[in-house]
C-alpha atoms as a PDB file:
ATOM      1  CA  UNK A   1     110.499  82.923 118.575  1.00  0.00           C
ATOM      2  CA  UNK A   2     113.268  85.540 118.446  1.00  0.00           C
ATOM      3  CA  UNK A   3     113.146  89.019 119.904  1.00  0.00           C
ATOM      4  CA  UNK A   4     112.425  90.660 116.512  1.00  0.00           C
ATOM      5  CA  UNK A   5     109.347  88.504 116.073  1.00  0.00           C
ATOM      6  CA  UNK A   6     108.256  89.307 119.625  1.00  0.00           C
ATOM      7  CA  UNK A   7     108.656  93.042 118.953  1.00  0.00           C
ATOM      8  CA  UNK A   8     106.692  92.762 115.720  1.00  0.00           C
ATOM      9  CA  UNK A   9     103.873  90.852 117.379  1.00  0.00           C
ATOM     10  CA  UNK A  10     103.772  93.400 120.227  1.00  0.00           C
ATOM     11  CA  UNK A  11     103.637  96.308 117.762  1.00  0.00           C
ATOM     12  CA  UNK A  12     100.868  94.613 115.792  1.00  0.00           C
ATOM     13  CA  UNK A  13      98.872  93.961 118.952  1.00  0.00           C
ATOM     14  CA  UNK A  14      99.296  97.567 120.106  1.00  0.00           C
ATOM     15  CA  UNK A  15      98.322  98.893 116.689  1.00  0.00           C
ATOM     16  CA  UNK A  16      95.217  96.758 116.580  1.00  0.00           C
ATOM     17  CA  UNK A  17      94.234  97.576 120.155  1.00  0.00           C
ATOM     18  CA  UNK A  18      94.472 101.351 119.595  1.00  0.00           C
ATOM     19  CA  UNK A  19      93.232 101.631 116.012  1.00  0.00           C
ATOM     20  CA  UNK A  20      89.904 103.229 116.952  1.00  0.00           C
ATOM     21  CA  UNK A  21      91.298 105.593 119.580  1.00  0.00           C
ATOM     22  CA  UNK A  22      91.494 109.269 118.651  1.00  0.00           C
ATOM     23  CA  UNK A  23      94.852 110.859 118.039  1.00  0.00           C
ATOM     24  CA  UNK A  24      96.360 112.628 121.053  1.00  0.00           C
ATOM     25  CA  UNK A  25      95.278 116.283 121.262  1.00  0.00           C
ATOM     26  CA  UNK A  26      98.781 117.491 120.350  1.00  0.00           C
ATOM     27  CA  UNK A  27      99.073 115.237 117.276  1.00  0.00           C
ATOM     28  CA  UNK A  28      98.585 116.490 113.752  1.00  0.00           C
ATOM     29  CA  UNK A  29      96.528 114.706 111.129  1.00  0.00           C
ATOM     30  CA  UNK A  30      93.615 112.347 111.141  1.00  0.00           C
ATOM     31  CA  UNK A  31      92.937 108.687 110.603  1.00  0.00           C
ATOM     32  CA  UNK A  32      91.027 108.646 107.326  1.00  0.00           C
ATOM     33  CA  UNK A  33      88.999 105.508 106.674  1.00  0.00           C
ATOM     34  CA  UNK A  34      90.080 103.975 109.986  1.00  0.00           C
ATOM     35  CA  UNK A  35      86.883 101.928 110.118  1.00  0.00           C
ATOM     36  CA  UNK A  36      87.849 100.265 106.843  1.00  0.00           C
ATOM     37  CA  UNK A  37      91.492  99.624 107.687  1.00  0.00           C
ATOM     38  CA  UNK A  38      92.677  96.042 107.877  1.00  0.00           C
ATOM     39  CA  UNK A  39      95.858  94.481 109.183  1.00  0.00           C
ATOM     40  CA  UNK A  40      97.925  92.347 106.807  1.00  0.00           C
ATOM     41  CA  UNK A  41     100.856  90.330 108.024  1.00  0.00           C
ATOM     42  CA  UNK A  42     103.883  90.284 105.728  1.00  0.00           C
ATOM     43  CA  UNK A  43     107.015  88.196 106.125  1.00  0.00           C
ATOM     44  CA  UNK A  44     110.279  90.030 105.492  1.00  0.00           C
ATOM     45  CA  UNK A  45     113.869  88.873 105.789  1.00  0.00           C
ATOM     46  CA  UNK A  46     115.342  89.986 109.115  1.00  0.00           C
ATOM     47  CA  UNK A  47     118.037  92.065 107.397  1.00  0.00           C
ATOM     48  CA  UNK A  48     115.413  93.893 105.313  1.00  0.00           C
ATOM     49  CA  UNK A  49     113.383  94.687 108.432  1.00  0.00           C
ATOM     50  CA  UNK A  50     116.516  95.961 110.164  1.00  0.00           C
ATOM     51  CA  UNK A  51     117.188  98.239 107.201  1.00  0.00           C
ATOM     52  CA  UNK A  52     113.591  99.487 107.239  1.00  0.00           C
ATOM     53  CA  UNK A  53     113.854 100.172 110.976  1.00  0.00           C
ATOM     54  CA  UNK A  54     117.043 102.137 110.364  1.00  0.00           C
ATOM     55  CA  UNK A  55     115.399 104.243 107.648  1.00  0.00           C
ATOM     56  CA  UNK A  56     112.365 104.882 109.858  1.00  0.00           C
ATOM     57  CA  UNK A  57     114.629 105.968 112.711  1.00  0.00           C
ATOM     58  CA  UNK A  58     116.547 108.334 110.393  1.00  0.00           C
ATOM     59  CA  UNK A  59     113.277 109.983 109.409  1.00  0.00           C
ATOM     60  CA  UNK A  60     111.756 109.830 112.891  1.00  0.00           C
ATOM     61  CA  UNK A  61     108.663 107.954 111.724  1.00  0.00           C
ATOM     62  CA  UNK A  62     107.149 104.698 112.951  1.00  0.00           C
ATOM     63  CA  UNK A  63     108.147 101.611 110.973  1.00  0.00           C
ATOM     64  CA  UNK A  64     104.513 100.813 110.202  1.00  0.00           C
ATOM     65  CA  UNK A  65     103.873 104.313 108.853  1.00  0.00           C
ATOM     66  CA  UNK A  66     106.931 104.095 106.618  1.00  0.00           C
ATOM     67  CA  UNK A  67     105.935 100.705 105.212  1.00  0.00           C
ATOM     68  CA  UNK A  68     102.304 101.824 104.801  1.00  0.00           C
ATOM     69  CA  UNK A  69     103.481 104.910 102.920  1.00  0.00           C
ATOM     70  CA  UNK A  70     105.629 102.823 100.603  1.00  0.00           C
ATOM     71  CA  UNK A  71     102.824 100.371  99.908  1.00  0.00           C
ATOM     72  CA  UNK A  72     100.260 103.105  99.257  1.00  0.00           C
ATOM     73  CA  UNK A  73     102.696 105.029  97.039  1.00  0.00           C
ATOM     74  CA  UNK A  74     103.423 101.898  95.035  1.00  0.00           C
ATOM     75  CA  UNK A  75      99.732 101.127  94.742  1.00  0.00           C
ATOM     76  CA  UNK A  76      99.032 104.648  93.525  1.00  0.00           C
ATOM     77  CA  UNK A  77     101.814 104.305  90.963  1.00  0.00           C
ATOM     78  CA  UNK A  78     100.068 101.223  89.586  1.00  0.00           C
ATOM     79  CA  UNK A  79      96.782 103.067  89.089  1.00  0.00           C
ATOM     80  CA  UNK A  80      95.929 105.615  86.471  1.00  0.00           C
ATOM     81  CA  UNK A  81      97.113 108.876  87.973  1.00  0.00           C
ATOM     82  CA  UNK A  82      96.454 112.535  87.375  1.00  0.00           C
ATOM     83  CA  UNK A  83      99.172 114.980  86.449  1.00  0.00           C
ATOM     84  CA  UNK A  84      99.160 116.298  90.028  1.00  0.00           C
ATOM     85  CA  UNK A  85      99.643 112.745  91.333  1.00  0.00           C
ATOM     86  CA  UNK A  86     102.546 112.203  88.946  1.00  0.00           C
ATOM     87  CA  UNK A  87     104.184 115.468  90.053  1.00  0.00           C
ATOM     88  CA  UNK A  88     103.789 114.511  93.724  1.00  0.00           C
ATOM     89  CA  UNK A  89     105.298 111.092  93.019  1.00  0.00           C
ATOM     90  CA  UNK A  90     108.196 112.730  91.217  1.00  0.00           C
ATOM     91  CA  UNK A  91     108.782 115.051  94.192  1.00  0.00           C
ATOM     92  CA  UNK A  92     108.923 112.048  96.530  1.00  0.00           C
ATOM     93  CA  UNK A  93     111.368 110.300  94.202  1.00  0.00           C
ATOM     94  CA  UNK A  94     113.558 113.416  94.008  1.00  0.00           C
ATOM     95  CA  UNK A  95     113.687 113.601  97.811  1.00  0.00           C
ATOM     96  CA  UNK A  96     114.657 109.916  97.945  1.00  0.00           C
ATOM     97  CA  UNK A  97     117.395 110.459  95.347  1.00  0.00           C
ATOM     98  CA  UNK A  98     118.741 113.405  97.346  1.00  0.00           C
ATOM     99  CA  UNK A  99     118.946 111.216 100.463  1.00  0.00           C
ATOM    100  CA  UNK A 100     120.740 108.515  98.485  1.00  0.00           C
ATOM    101  CA  UNK A 101     123.163 111.045  97.009  1.00  0.00           C
ATOM    102  CA  UNK A 102     123.888 112.477 100.447  1.00  0.00           C
ATOM    103  CA  UNK A 103     124.497 108.986 101.828  1.00  0.00           C
ATOM    104  CA  UNK A 104     126.760 108.096  98.894  1.00  0.00           C
ATOM    105  CA  UNK A 105     128.761 111.317  99.229  1.00  0.00           C
ATOM    106  CA  UNK A 106     129.373 110.737 102.950  1.00  0.00           C
END
């Protein structure tokens, strides 16, 4: 097993071990539906994971939160959405395009 796999397994174990713990008192947000959350293992090419880790670091978010956000956003895009949902999705896409444009210009 390589070090990336070890890190992933450690992160998964930590996530599972702390899933029912309350957020720290200085943290914002909640854990909606935490009792119904499940862990799903997904295999990714090492270079894709490295790229995801880089993006997460740029945005100062945990890798798991970034991936979860992408999956949930994609799932929502597959469902029938309201106008408000479509506008929110468009705003997220515009932000992503701005980041890509900034990266391309640099």
